Amino acid sequence: MQIAILLYPGFTALDAIGPYETLNGLPGAEVVLAAERTGPVRNETGTLALIADATLDEVARPDIVVVPGAPDASGPMGSSRTQEWLRAVDRTTTWTTSVCTGSLILAAAGLLTGRRATSHWLAMEELASFGVEPTGERVVTDGKYVTAAGVSSGIDMGLTLAGRIAGDRVAQSIQLLLEYDPRPPYDAGSPEKAPADLVAHWREAKK
């Protein structure tokens, strides 16, 4: 079972690493990091790089595609090569997935039109502009499309998918070995829970 994680300049690292850590634990998993060109691909701050071992052309029929997001996803959204690759591999994938604004990249390729999906809370209006029904849920499954909300929810998406593929016992084992038992010191992880002035600040900053 080949799992392709798309990399592109400016991606958010945890969007890729969260699903990697969960899905890599599946029996028979072969995870490949793919990009338009092989070599190091740097994240949005330029301070961290992951290595793409394969070009998009070399990954023609993955079983699962994971598309991470970015603070600015316009690069892959406007890249004809990336968009054509997503449409091509989606014809044969078992699951096509995204984390955070990765759903905007899938939506730009026309893959989420008319479907329910989620994204980072700051990107919901943009998601709707592609004819997608945005939701505030952390993980959304619509057919073979699984989308996750902001950054950390990629771990939840990976565990959800692991359970669908290999059963609850395997997914629970992955969660246990990751010791994924979040107990954050603050309860401000969503716009519904965070202080209103903080939410307003970041909405204004995005404009």
N, C-alpha and C. Protein backbone atom coordinates (compact mmCIF):
# COMPACT_ATOMS: atom_id res chain seq x y z
N MET A 1 0.85 -1.18 0.00
CA MET A 1 0.00 0.00 0.00
C MET A 1 0.89 1.24 0.00
N GLN A 2 0.88 1.96 -1.11
CA GLN A 2 1.73 3.15 -1.22
C GLN A 2 0.97 4.39 -0.76
N ILE A 3 1.61 5.13 0.13
CA ILE A 3 1.06 6.37 0.66
C ILE A 3 1.95 7.50 0.21
N ALA A 4 1.43 8.40 -0.61
CA ALA A 4 2.21 9.52 -1.14
C ALA A 4 1.86 10.79 -0.38
N ILE A 5 2.87 11.41 0.20
CA ILE A 5 2.69 12.69 0.87
C ILE A 5 3.30 13.77 -0.02
N LEU A 6 2.47 14.69 -0.45
CA LEU A 6 2.91 15.75 -1.34
C LEU A 6 3.72 16.79 -0.57
N LEU A 7 4.87 17.15 -1.10
CA LEU A 7 5.66 18.24 -0.55
C LEU A 7 5.76 19.37 -1.57
N TYR A 8 5.85 20.59 -1.09
CA TYR A 8 6.02 21.76 -1.95
C TYR A 8 6.59 22.88 -1.09
N PRO A 9 7.29 23.82 -1.67
CA PRO A 9 7.90 24.90 -0.89
C PRO A 9 6.86 25.66 -0.07
N GLY A 10 7.14 25.82 1.24
CA GLY A 10 6.25 26.57 2.10
C GLY A 10 5.23 25.75 2.85
N PHE A 11 5.27 24.41 2.72
CA PHE A 11 4.31 23.55 3.41
C PHE A 11 4.49 23.66 4.93
N THR A 12 3.45 23.29 5.66
CA THR A 12 3.53 23.25 7.12
C THR A 12 3.97 21.85 7.55
N ALA A 13 5.05 21.78 8.31
CA ALA A 13 5.70 20.50 8.60
C ALA A 13 4.77 19.50 9.30
N LEU A 14 4.05 19.95 10.33
CA LEU A 14 3.22 19.01 11.08
C LEU A 14 2.07 18.47 10.23
N ASP A 15 1.64 19.24 9.23
CA ASP A 15 0.60 18.75 8.32
C ASP A 15 1.04 17.48 7.61
N ALA A 16 2.34 17.37 7.34
CA ALA A 16 2.89 16.19 6.68
C ALA A 16 3.31 15.13 7.69
N ILE A 17 3.94 15.56 8.78
CA ILE A 17 4.51 14.62 9.75
C ILE A 17 3.44 13.92 10.57
N GLY A 18 2.35 14.61 10.92
CA GLY A 18 1.28 13.97 11.68
C GLY A 18 0.72 12.75 10.96
N PRO A 19 0.27 12.90 9.71
CA PRO A 19 -0.20 11.73 8.96
C PRO A 19 0.90 10.70 8.73
N TYR A 20 2.13 11.18 8.51
CA TYR A 20 3.24 10.24 8.31
C TYR A 20 3.37 9.31 9.52
N GLU A 21 3.38 9.88 10.72
CA GLU A 21 3.58 9.07 11.92
C GLU A 21 2.44 8.09 12.17
N THR A 22 1.24 8.45 11.79
CA THR A 22 0.10 7.55 12.00
C THR A 22 -0.03 6.51 10.89
N LEU A 23 0.08 6.93 9.64
CA LEU A 23 -0.14 6.01 8.53
C LEU A 23 1.06 5.09 8.28
N ASN A 24 2.25 5.54 8.65
CA ASN A 24 3.44 4.70 8.48
C ASN A 24 3.37 3.45 9.35
N GLY A 25 2.52 3.47 10.37
CA GLY A 25 2.38 2.30 11.24
C GLY A 25 1.43 1.25 10.72
N LEU A 26 0.81 1.49 9.57
CA LEU A 26 -0.11 0.51 9.00
C LEU A 26 0.65 -0.68 8.42
N PRO A 27 0.12 -1.89 8.56
CA PRO A 27 0.76 -3.06 7.96
C PRO A 27 0.90 -2.89 6.44
N GLY A 28 2.10 -3.13 5.92
CA GLY A 28 2.34 -3.06 4.49
C GLY A 28 2.46 -1.65 3.94
N ALA A 29 2.55 -0.66 4.82
CA ALA A 29 2.63 0.73 4.35
C ALA A 29 3.99 1.03 3.73
N GLU A 30 3.96 1.72 2.60
CA GLU A 30 5.17 2.25 1.97
C GLU A 30 4.93 3.74 1.75
N VAL A 31 5.55 4.55 2.60
CA VAL A 31 5.33 6.00 2.51
C VAL A 31 6.40 6.62 1.63
N VAL A 32 5.96 7.44 0.68
CA VAL A 32 6.89 8.14 -0.19
C VAL A 32 6.60 9.63 -0.12
N LEU A 33 7.63 10.43 0.06
CA LEU A 33 7.50 11.88 0.03
C LEU A 33 7.79 12.33 -1.40
N ALA A 34 6.82 12.95 -2.03
CA ALA A 34 6.93 13.29 -3.45
C ALA A 34 6.76 14.78 -3.67
N ALA A 35 7.50 15.30 -4.63
CA ALA A 35 7.43 16.73 -4.97
C ALA A 35 7.71 16.89 -6.46
N GLU A 36 7.59 18.09 -6.95
CA GLU A 36 7.86 18.33 -8.37
C GLU A 36 9.31 18.00 -8.70
N ARG A 37 10.20 18.23 -7.72
CA ARG A 37 11.62 17.88 -7.87
C ARG A 37 12.08 17.17 -6.63
N THR A 38 13.02 16.25 -6.76
CA THR A 38 13.56 15.55 -5.60
C THR A 38 14.50 16.48 -4.82
N GLY A 39 14.79 16.07 -3.58
CA GLY A 39 15.70 16.85 -2.75
C GLY A 39 14.96 17.52 -1.61
N PRO A 40 15.67 18.37 -0.87
CA PRO A 40 15.06 19.03 0.29
C PRO A 40 13.97 20.02 -0.12
N VAL A 41 12.88 20.00 0.62
CA VAL A 41 11.78 20.94 0.42
C VAL A 41 11.55 21.64 1.75
N ARG A 42 11.64 22.95 1.75
CA ARG A 42 11.60 23.69 3.01
C ARG A 42 10.18 24.13 3.38
N ASN A 43 9.97 24.19 4.69
CA ASN A 43 8.66 24.57 5.20
C ASN A 43 8.43 26.08 5.11
N GLU A 44 7.33 26.55 5.69
CA GLU A 44 6.94 27.95 5.50
C GLU A 44 7.92 28.96 6.09
N THR A 45 8.68 28.55 7.10
CA THR A 45 9.65 29.47 7.68
C THR A 45 11.03 29.33 7.04
N GLY A 46 11.22 28.28 6.27
CA GLY A 46 12.50 28.03 5.63
C GLY A 46 13.54 27.44 6.55
N THR A 47 13.15 27.11 7.79
CA THR A 47 14.11 26.62 8.77
C THR A 47 14.12 25.10 8.91
N LEU A 48 13.21 24.43 8.23
CA LEU A 48 13.10 22.97 8.31
C LEU A 48 12.84 22.42 6.92
N ALA A 49 13.50 21.31 6.60
CA ALA A 49 13.30 20.70 5.29
C ALA A 49 13.03 19.21 5.42
N LEU A 50 12.15 18.71 4.59
CA LEU A 50 11.97 17.27 4.41
C LEU A 50 12.51 16.91 3.03
N ILE A 51 12.94 15.68 2.88
CA ILE A 51 13.55 15.24 1.63
C ILE A 51 12.53 14.53 0.75
N ALA A 52 12.30 15.06 -0.42
CA ALA A 52 11.46 14.38 -1.41
C ALA A 52 12.33 13.38 -2.15
N ASP A 53 12.01 12.10 -2.01
CA ASP A 53 12.78 11.04 -2.66
C ASP A 53 12.28 10.70 -4.04
N ALA A 54 11.09 11.20 -4.39
CA ALA A 54 10.51 10.87 -5.69
C ALA A 54 9.87 12.11 -6.30
N THR A 55 9.90 12.17 -7.62
CA THR A 55 9.17 13.23 -8.32
C THR A 55 7.72 12.79 -8.47
N LEU A 56 6.88 13.74 -8.78
CA LEU A 56 5.46 13.41 -8.99
C LEU A 56 5.31 12.41 -10.12
N ASP A 57 6.12 12.54 -11.17
CA ASP A 57 6.03 11.62 -12.30
C ASP A 57 6.35 10.18 -11.91
N GLU A 58 7.15 10.02 -10.85
CA GLU A 58 7.54 8.69 -10.41
C GLU A 58 6.51 8.04 -9.49
N VAL A 59 5.52 8.78 -9.09
CA VAL A 59 4.48 8.25 -8.20
C VAL A 59 3.16 8.33 -8.96
N ALA A 60 2.87 7.29 -9.70
CA ALA A 60 1.75 7.35 -10.64
C ALA A 60 0.45 6.76 -10.10
N ARG A 61 0.55 5.79 -9.18
CA ARG A 61 -0.67 5.12 -8.71
C ARG A 61 -0.63 4.86 -7.20
N PRO A 62 -0.49 5.91 -6.40
CA PRO A 62 -0.51 5.69 -4.95
C PRO A 62 -1.91 5.27 -4.48
N ASP A 63 -1.93 4.48 -3.43
CA ASP A 63 -3.22 4.07 -2.85
C ASP A 63 -3.83 5.20 -2.03
N ILE A 64 -2.97 5.97 -1.38
CA ILE A 64 -3.41 7.08 -0.55
C ILE A 64 -2.58 8.31 -0.90
N VAL A 65 -3.22 9.44 -1.02
CA VAL A 65 -2.53 10.72 -1.20
C VAL A 65 -2.82 11.60 0.00
N VAL A 66 -1.78 12.21 0.55
CA VAL A 66 -1.93 13.17 1.64
C VAL A 66 -1.40 14.52 1.16
N VAL A 67 -2.24 15.55 1.25
CA VAL A 67 -1.85 16.88 0.82
C VAL A 67 -1.80 17.79 2.04
N PRO A 68 -0.60 18.16 2.49
CA PRO A 68 -0.49 19.09 3.62
C PRO A 68 -0.83 20.50 3.20
N GLY A 69 -1.13 21.33 4.19
CA GLY A 69 -1.45 22.71 3.91
C GLY A 69 -0.25 23.63 4.11
N ALA A 70 -0.53 24.92 4.05
CA ALA A 70 0.49 25.95 4.20
C ALA A 70 -0.19 27.26 4.53
N PRO A 71 0.50 28.19 5.18
CA PRO A 71 -0.09 29.51 5.38
C PRO A 71 -0.46 30.17 4.05
N ASP A 72 0.33 29.89 3.02
CA ASP A 72 0.05 30.37 1.67
C ASP A 72 0.13 29.17 0.72
N ALA A 73 -1.03 28.66 0.37
CA ALA A 73 -1.08 27.46 -0.48
C ALA A 73 -1.20 27.80 -1.96
N SER A 74 -0.98 29.06 -2.32
CA SER A 74 -1.18 29.48 -3.71
C SER A 74 -0.20 28.81 -4.67
N GLY A 75 0.99 28.43 -4.18
CA GLY A 75 1.97 27.79 -5.05
C GLY A 75 1.43 26.52 -5.68
N PRO A 76 1.10 25.50 -4.87
CA PRO A 76 0.55 24.27 -5.44
C PRO A 76 -0.83 24.45 -6.04
N MET A 77 -1.59 25.43 -5.55
CA MET A 77 -2.90 25.68 -6.16
C MET A 77 -2.76 26.19 -7.59
N GLY A 78 -1.68 26.94 -7.83
CA GLY A 78 -1.49 27.50 -9.16
C GLY A 78 -0.51 26.73 -10.03
N SER A 79 0.03 25.63 -9.51
CA SER A 79 0.98 24.84 -10.27
C SER A 79 0.25 23.84 -11.16
N SER A 80 0.35 23.99 -12.47
CA SER A 80 -0.35 23.08 -13.37
C SER A 80 0.16 21.65 -13.20
N ARG A 81 1.44 21.50 -12.93
CA ARG A 81 2.00 20.16 -12.78
C ARG A 81 1.42 19.46 -11.54
N THR A 82 1.37 20.17 -10.43
CA THR A 82 0.83 19.59 -9.20
C THR A 82 -0.66 19.31 -9.35
N GLN A 83 -1.39 20.25 -9.92
CA GLN A 83 -2.83 20.07 -10.10
C GLN A 83 -3.15 18.91 -11.04
N GLU A 84 -2.40 18.80 -12.12
CA GLU A 84 -2.62 17.69 -13.06
C GLU A 84 -2.29 16.36 -12.40
N TRP A 85 -1.23 16.34 -11.59
CA TRP A 85 -0.86 15.10 -10.89
C TRP A 85 -1.96 14.68 -9.92
N LEU A 86 -2.50 15.63 -9.18
CA LEU A 86 -3.57 15.30 -8.23
C LEU A 86 -4.78 14.73 -8.96
N ARG A 87 -5.16 15.35 -10.04
CA ARG A 87 -6.32 14.83 -10.79
C ARG A 87 -6.03 13.45 -11.36
N ALA A 88 -4.81 13.23 -11.82
CA ALA A 88 -4.46 11.94 -12.42
C ALA A 88 -4.45 10.82 -11.38
N VAL A 89 -3.77 11.04 -10.26
CA VAL A 89 -3.67 9.96 -9.27
C VAL A 89 -5.00 9.75 -8.57
N ASP A 90 -5.82 10.78 -8.48
CA ASP A 90 -7.12 10.63 -7.82
C ASP A 90 -8.02 9.63 -8.54
N ARG A 91 -7.76 9.41 -9.80
CA ARG A 91 -8.60 8.46 -10.55
C ARG A 91 -8.47 7.05 -10.00
N THR A 92 -7.33 6.75 -9.36
CA THR A 92 -7.12 5.37 -8.90
C THR A 92 -6.84 5.26 -7.40
N THR A 93 -6.80 6.38 -6.68
CA THR A 93 -6.56 6.29 -5.24
C THR A 93 -7.73 5.62 -4.54
N THR A 94 -7.40 4.97 -3.44
CA THR A 94 -8.44 4.47 -2.54
C THR A 94 -8.90 5.59 -1.62
N TRP A 95 -7.94 6.43 -1.20
CA TRP A 95 -8.23 7.57 -0.34
C TRP A 95 -7.44 8.78 -0.83
N THR A 96 -8.11 9.91 -0.91
CA THR A 96 -7.46 11.19 -1.21
C THR A 96 -7.70 12.09 -0.02
N THR A 97 -6.63 12.57 0.61
CA THR A 97 -6.77 13.25 1.89
C THR A 97 -6.01 14.57 1.93
N SER A 98 -6.34 15.37 2.93
CA SER A 98 -5.64 16.64 3.11
C SER A 98 -5.65 17.03 4.58
N VAL A 99 -4.74 17.94 4.90
CA VAL A 99 -4.68 18.53 6.24
C VAL A 99 -4.66 20.04 6.07
N CYS A 100 -5.43 20.73 6.91
CA CYS A 100 -5.42 22.19 6.95
C CYS A 100 -5.78 22.74 5.55
N THR A 101 -5.02 23.71 5.06
CA THR A 101 -5.34 24.31 3.76
C THR A 101 -4.98 23.41 2.59
N GLY A 102 -4.54 22.19 2.87
CA GLY A 102 -4.38 21.21 1.81
C GLY A 102 -5.70 20.97 1.09
N SER A 103 -6.82 21.16 1.81
CA SER A 103 -8.12 21.00 1.15
C SER A 103 -8.34 22.05 0.07
N LEU A 104 -7.73 23.24 0.23
CA LEU A 104 -7.82 24.24 -0.84
C LEU A 104 -7.11 23.76 -2.10
N ILE A 105 -6.01 23.05 -1.90
CA ILE A 105 -5.25 22.52 -3.05
C ILE A 105 -6.07 21.46 -3.77
N LEU A 106 -6.73 20.59 -3.00
CA LEU A 106 -7.62 19.59 -3.61
C LEU A 106 -8.81 20.27 -4.28
N ALA A 107 -9.34 21.29 -3.63
CA ALA A 107 -10.50 22.00 -4.20
C ALA A 107 -10.14 22.70 -5.50
N ALA A 108 -8.93 23.28 -5.55
CA ALA A 108 -8.49 23.95 -6.78
C ALA A 108 -8.36 22.97 -7.93
N ALA A 109 -8.09 21.71 -7.61
CA ALA A 109 -8.01 20.67 -8.65
C ALA A 109 -9.38 20.15 -9.05
N GLY A 110 -10.42 20.65 -8.38
CA GLY A 110 -11.78 20.24 -8.72
C GLY A 110 -12.21 18.95 -8.07
N LEU A 111 -11.47 18.48 -7.08
CA LEU A 111 -11.75 17.16 -6.51
C LEU A 111 -12.77 17.19 -5.38
N LEU A 112 -13.05 18.36 -4.84
CA LEU A 112 -13.97 18.44 -3.70
C LEU A 112 -15.27 19.16 -4.04
N THR A 113 -15.47 19.48 -5.29
CA THR A 113 -16.67 20.21 -5.70
C THR A 113 -17.93 19.46 -5.28
N GLY A 114 -18.81 20.16 -4.57
CA GLY A 114 -20.07 19.56 -4.14
C GLY A 114 -19.95 18.65 -2.94
N ARG A 115 -18.76 18.54 -2.38
CA ARG A 115 -18.54 17.66 -1.23
C ARG A 115 -18.42 18.46 0.07
N ARG A 116 -18.60 17.75 1.18
CA ARG A 116 -18.33 18.32 2.49
C ARG A 116 -16.84 18.19 2.77
N ALA A 117 -16.26 19.22 3.35
CA ALA A 117 -14.83 19.18 3.67
C ALA A 117 -14.54 20.19 4.76
N THR A 118 -13.34 20.09 5.30
CA THR A 118 -12.92 21.05 6.32
C THR A 118 -11.54 21.58 5.98
N SER A 119 -11.11 22.55 6.75
CA SER A 119 -9.83 23.20 6.52
C SER A 119 -9.47 23.97 7.79
N HIS A 120 -8.40 24.72 7.75
CA HIS A 120 -8.10 25.62 8.86
C HIS A 120 -9.25 26.62 8.99
N TRP A 121 -9.57 27.01 10.22
CA TRP A 121 -10.73 27.88 10.43
C TRP A 121 -10.61 29.22 9.70
N LEU A 122 -9.40 29.67 9.44
CA LEU A 122 -9.22 30.93 8.71
C LEU A 122 -9.43 30.78 7.20
N ALA A 123 -9.56 29.54 6.73
CA ALA A 123 -9.65 29.29 5.28
C ALA A 123 -11.04 28.84 4.84
N MET A 124 -12.00 28.85 5.75
CA MET A 124 -13.31 28.29 5.41
C MET A 124 -14.00 29.04 4.27
N GLU A 125 -13.92 30.37 4.27
CA GLU A 125 -14.59 31.13 3.22
C GLU A 125 -13.97 30.84 1.86
N GLU A 126 -12.66 30.71 1.83
CA GLU A 126 -11.99 30.41 0.57
C GLU A 126 -12.36 29.01 0.08
N LEU A 127 -12.50 28.08 1.02
CA LEU A 127 -12.91 26.72 0.64
C LEU A 127 -14.29 26.75 0.00
N ALA A 128 -15.20 27.52 0.58
CA ALA A 128 -16.56 27.60 0.03
C ALA A 128 -16.58 28.19 -1.37
N SER A 129 -15.60 29.05 -1.68
CA SER A 129 -15.57 29.69 -3.00
C SER A 129 -15.31 28.69 -4.12
N PHE A 130 -14.85 27.49 -3.77
CA PHE A 130 -14.60 26.45 -4.77
C PHE A 130 -15.80 25.51 -4.93
N GLY A 131 -16.93 25.88 -4.35
CA GLY A 131 -18.11 25.02 -4.47
C GLY A 131 -18.08 23.85 -3.51
N VAL A 132 -17.34 24.01 -2.43
CA VAL A 132 -17.25 22.97 -1.40
C VAL A 132 -18.11 23.38 -0.22
N GLU A 133 -18.73 22.41 0.45
CA GLU A 133 -19.51 22.71 1.64
C GLU A 133 -18.60 22.63 2.86
N PRO A 134 -18.15 23.77 3.40
CA PRO A 134 -17.22 23.72 4.53
C PRO A 134 -17.93 23.37 5.82
N THR A 135 -17.23 22.66 6.67
CA THR A 135 -17.77 22.31 7.98
C THR A 135 -16.76 22.71 9.05
N GLY A 136 -17.21 22.79 10.27
CA GLY A 136 -16.32 23.09 11.38
C GLY A 136 -15.81 21.85 12.07
N GLU A 137 -16.02 20.69 11.45
CA GLU A 137 -15.60 19.43 12.07
C GLU A 137 -14.08 19.26 11.97
N ARG A 138 -13.54 18.47 12.88
CA ARG A 138 -12.08 18.27 12.91
C ARG A 138 -11.63 17.35 11.78
N VAL A 139 -12.38 16.31 11.52
CA VAL A 139 -12.09 15.39 10.41
C VAL A 139 -13.40 15.11 9.68
N VAL A 140 -13.38 15.23 8.36
CA VAL A 140 -14.59 15.02 7.55
C VAL A 140 -14.29 13.95 6.50
N THR A 141 -15.16 12.96 6.44
CA THR A 141 -15.06 11.93 5.40
C THR A 141 -16.26 12.05 4.48
N ASP A 142 -16.02 12.21 3.20
CA ASP A 142 -17.07 12.26 2.19
C ASP A 142 -16.63 11.37 1.05
N GLY A 143 -17.17 10.17 1.01
CA GLY A 143 -16.70 9.18 0.04
C GLY A 143 -15.28 8.79 0.36
N LYS A 144 -14.40 8.87 -0.63
CA LYS A 144 -13.00 8.51 -0.40
C LYS A 144 -12.15 9.72 0.00
N TYR A 145 -12.80 10.86 0.17
CA TYR A 145 -12.07 12.09 0.49
C TYR A 145 -12.14 12.34 2.00
N VAL A 146 -10.97 12.46 2.60
CA VAL A 146 -10.88 12.70 4.04
C VAL A 146 -10.08 13.98 4.24
N THR A 147 -10.72 14.98 4.83
CA THR A 147 -10.05 16.26 5.06
C THR A 147 -9.99 16.53 6.55
N ALA A 148 -8.90 17.17 6.96
CA ALA A 148 -8.71 17.51 8.37
C ALA A 148 -8.63 19.01 8.52
N ALA A 149 -8.99 19.51 9.68
CA ALA A 149 -8.94 20.93 9.97
C ALA A 149 -7.49 21.38 10.15
N GLY A 150 -7.24 22.36 11.00
CA GLY A 150 -5.89 22.91 11.12
C GLY A 150 -4.85 21.94 11.65
N VAL A 151 -3.64 22.13 11.17
CA VAL A 151 -2.37 21.52 11.52
C VAL A 151 -2.43 20.25 12.36
N SER A 152 -2.69 20.36 13.67
CA SER A 152 -2.60 19.19 14.56
C SER A 152 -3.66 18.13 14.24
N SER A 153 -4.73 18.51 13.57
CA SER A 153 -5.80 17.55 13.27
C SER A 153 -5.37 16.50 12.25
N GLY A 154 -4.20 16.70 11.63
CA GLY A 154 -3.69 15.67 10.73
C GLY A 154 -3.42 14.36 11.45
N ILE A 155 -3.10 14.43 12.73
CA ILE A 155 -2.91 13.21 13.52
C ILE A 155 -4.25 12.49 13.66
N ASP A 156 -5.31 13.24 13.95
CA ASP A 156 -6.64 12.65 14.07
C ASP A 156 -7.09 12.05 12.74
N MET A 157 -6.79 12.76 11.65
CA MET A 157 -7.15 12.24 10.33
C MET A 157 -6.43 10.93 10.06
N GLY A 158 -5.13 10.88 10.38
CA GLY A 158 -4.37 9.66 10.16
C GLY A 158 -4.91 8.49 10.97
N LEU A 159 -5.26 8.75 12.21
CA LEU A 159 -5.82 7.68 13.06
C LEU A 159 -7.19 7.24 12.55
N THR A 160 -8.00 8.20 12.12
CA THR A 160 -9.31 7.86 11.55
C THR A 160 -9.14 6.95 10.34
N LEU A 161 -8.23 7.30 9.48
CA LEU A 161 -7.99 6.52 8.27
C LEU A 161 -7.39 5.16 8.61
N ALA A 162 -6.49 5.13 9.58
CA ALA A 162 -5.90 3.85 10.01
C ALA A 162 -6.99 2.89 10.49
N GLY A 163 -7.95 3.42 11.22
CA GLY A 163 -9.05 2.57 11.69
C GLY A 163 -9.90 2.06 10.55
N ARG A 164 -10.15 2.91 9.57
CA ARG A 164 -10.96 2.48 8.42
C ARG A 164 -10.24 1.41 7.60
N ILE A 165 -8.93 1.52 7.51
CA ILE A 165 -8.15 0.61 6.68
C ILE A 165 -7.84 -0.71 7.39
N ALA A 166 -7.39 -0.60 8.63
CA ALA A 166 -6.86 -1.79 9.33
C ALA A 166 -7.62 -2.18 10.58
N GLY A 167 -8.64 -1.43 10.93
CA GLY A 167 -9.44 -1.78 12.09
C GLY A 167 -9.05 -1.02 13.34
N ASP A 168 -9.98 -1.03 14.29
CA ASP A 168 -9.79 -0.25 15.51
C ASP A 168 -8.56 -0.67 16.29
N ARG A 169 -8.29 -1.97 16.34
CA ARG A 169 -7.18 -2.46 17.16
C ARG A 169 -5.85 -1.89 16.67
N VAL A 170 -5.65 -1.88 15.37
CA VAL A 170 -4.41 -1.34 14.80
C VAL A 170 -4.32 0.16 15.07
N ALA A 171 -5.42 0.88 14.84
CA ALA A 171 -5.42 2.33 15.06
C ALA A 171 -5.16 2.64 16.53
N GLN A 172 -5.74 1.87 17.41
CA GLN A 172 -5.51 2.08 18.85
C GLN A 172 -4.06 1.80 19.22
N SER A 173 -3.47 0.80 18.60
CA SER A 173 -2.06 0.50 18.86
C SER A 173 -1.16 1.64 18.40
N ILE A 174 -1.47 2.19 17.21
CA ILE A 174 -0.69 3.33 16.71
C ILE A 174 -0.80 4.50 17.68
N GLN A 175 -2.02 4.79 18.12
CA GLN A 175 -2.22 5.89 19.06
C GLN A 175 -1.47 5.65 20.36
N LEU A 176 -1.51 4.43 20.85
CA LEU A 176 -0.83 4.11 22.10
C LEU A 176 0.68 4.27 21.98
N LEU A 177 1.24 3.76 20.88
CA LEU A 177 2.69 3.83 20.70
C LEU A 177 3.16 5.27 20.48
N LEU A 178 2.29 6.10 19.89
CA LEU A 178 2.61 7.52 19.76
C LEU A 178 2.38 8.26 21.08
N GLU A 179 1.71 7.59 22.03
CA GLU A 179 1.27 8.21 23.27
C GLU A 179 0.54 9.52 22.98
N TYR A 180 -0.39 9.40 22.04
CA TYR A 180 -1.18 10.57 21.64
C TYR A 180 -2.36 10.68 22.58
N ASP A 181 -2.18 11.46 23.62
CA ASP A 181 -3.18 11.63 24.68
C ASP A 181 -3.19 13.11 25.07
N PRO A 182 -3.61 13.99 24.16
CA PRO A 182 -3.42 15.43 24.36
C PRO A 182 -4.17 16.00 25.56
N ARG A 183 -3.45 16.76 26.32
CA ARG A 183 -4.02 17.49 27.46
C ARG A 183 -3.39 18.88 27.48
N PRO A 184 -3.79 19.74 26.55
CA PRO A 184 -3.11 21.03 26.41
C PRO A 184 -3.32 21.92 27.64
N PRO A 185 -2.34 22.78 27.90
CA PRO A 185 -2.45 23.67 29.06
C PRO A 185 -3.46 24.79 28.87
N TYR A 186 -3.91 25.01 27.63
CA TYR A 186 -4.91 26.04 27.35
C TYR A 186 -6.05 25.43 26.55
N ASP A 187 -7.23 25.97 26.73
CA ASP A 187 -8.39 25.51 25.97
C ASP A 187 -8.75 26.57 24.94
N ALA A 188 -7.81 26.81 24.02
CA ALA A 188 -7.99 27.86 23.02
C ALA A 188 -7.70 27.34 21.63
N GLY A 189 -7.98 26.06 21.39
CA GLY A 189 -7.59 25.43 20.14
C GLY A 189 -8.59 25.56 19.01
N SER A 190 -9.67 26.31 19.21
CA SER A 190 -10.63 26.54 18.13
C SER A 190 -11.20 27.94 18.30
N PRO A 191 -11.73 28.53 17.22
CA PRO A 191 -12.28 29.89 17.34
C PRO A 191 -13.47 29.95 18.28
N GLU A 192 -14.12 28.82 18.51
CA GLU A 192 -15.26 28.80 19.44
C GLU A 192 -14.81 28.87 20.90
N LYS A 193 -13.59 28.42 21.16
CA LYS A 193 -13.09 28.36 22.53
C LYS A 193 -12.11 29.46 22.88
N ALA A 194 -11.39 29.97 21.90
CA ALA A 194 -10.35 30.97 22.15
C ALA A 194 -10.97 32.32 22.52
N PRO A 195 -10.22 33.18 23.20
CA PRO A 195 -10.72 34.52 23.49
C PRO A 195 -11.13 35.25 22.21
N ALA A 196 -12.27 35.93 22.26
CA ALA A 196 -12.81 36.56 21.06
C ALA A 196 -11.87 37.58 20.46
N ASP A 197 -11.15 38.31 21.30
CA ASP A 197 -10.24 39.32 20.77
C ASP A 197 -9.06 38.68 20.04
N LEU A 198 -8.66 37.48 20.48
CA LEU A 198 -7.57 36.77 19.82
C LEU A 198 -8.02 36.28 18.44
N VAL A 199 -9.23 35.75 18.39
CA VAL A 199 -9.78 35.30 17.11
C VAL A 199 -9.89 36.48 16.15
N ALA A 200 -10.38 37.60 16.65
CA ALA A 200 -10.53 38.79 15.81
C ALA A 200 -9.18 39.28 15.30
N HIS A 201 -8.18 39.22 16.17
CA HIS A 201 -6.83 39.64 15.76
C HIS A 201 -6.34 38.85 14.57
N TRP A 202 -6.48 37.52 14.63
CA TRP A 202 -5.95 36.68 13.55
C TRP A 202 -6.81 36.74 12.30
N ARG A 203 -8.11 36.99 12.45
CA ARG A 203 -8.95 37.21 11.26
C ARG A 203 -8.50 38.49 10.55
N GLU A 204 -8.21 39.51 11.32
CA GLU A 204 -7.78 40.78 10.73
C GLU A 204 -6.40 40.65 10.09
N ALA A 205 -5.53 39.88 10.75
CA ALA A 205 -4.17 39.70 10.23
C ALA A 205 -4.16 38.96 8.90
N LYS A 206 -5.17 38.13 8.67
CA LYS A 206 -5.22 37.34 7.44
C LYS A 206 -5.63 38.21 6.24
N LYS A 207 -6.30 39.33 6.50
CA LYS A 207 -6.80 40.14 5.38
C LYS A 207 -5.67 40.76 4.58
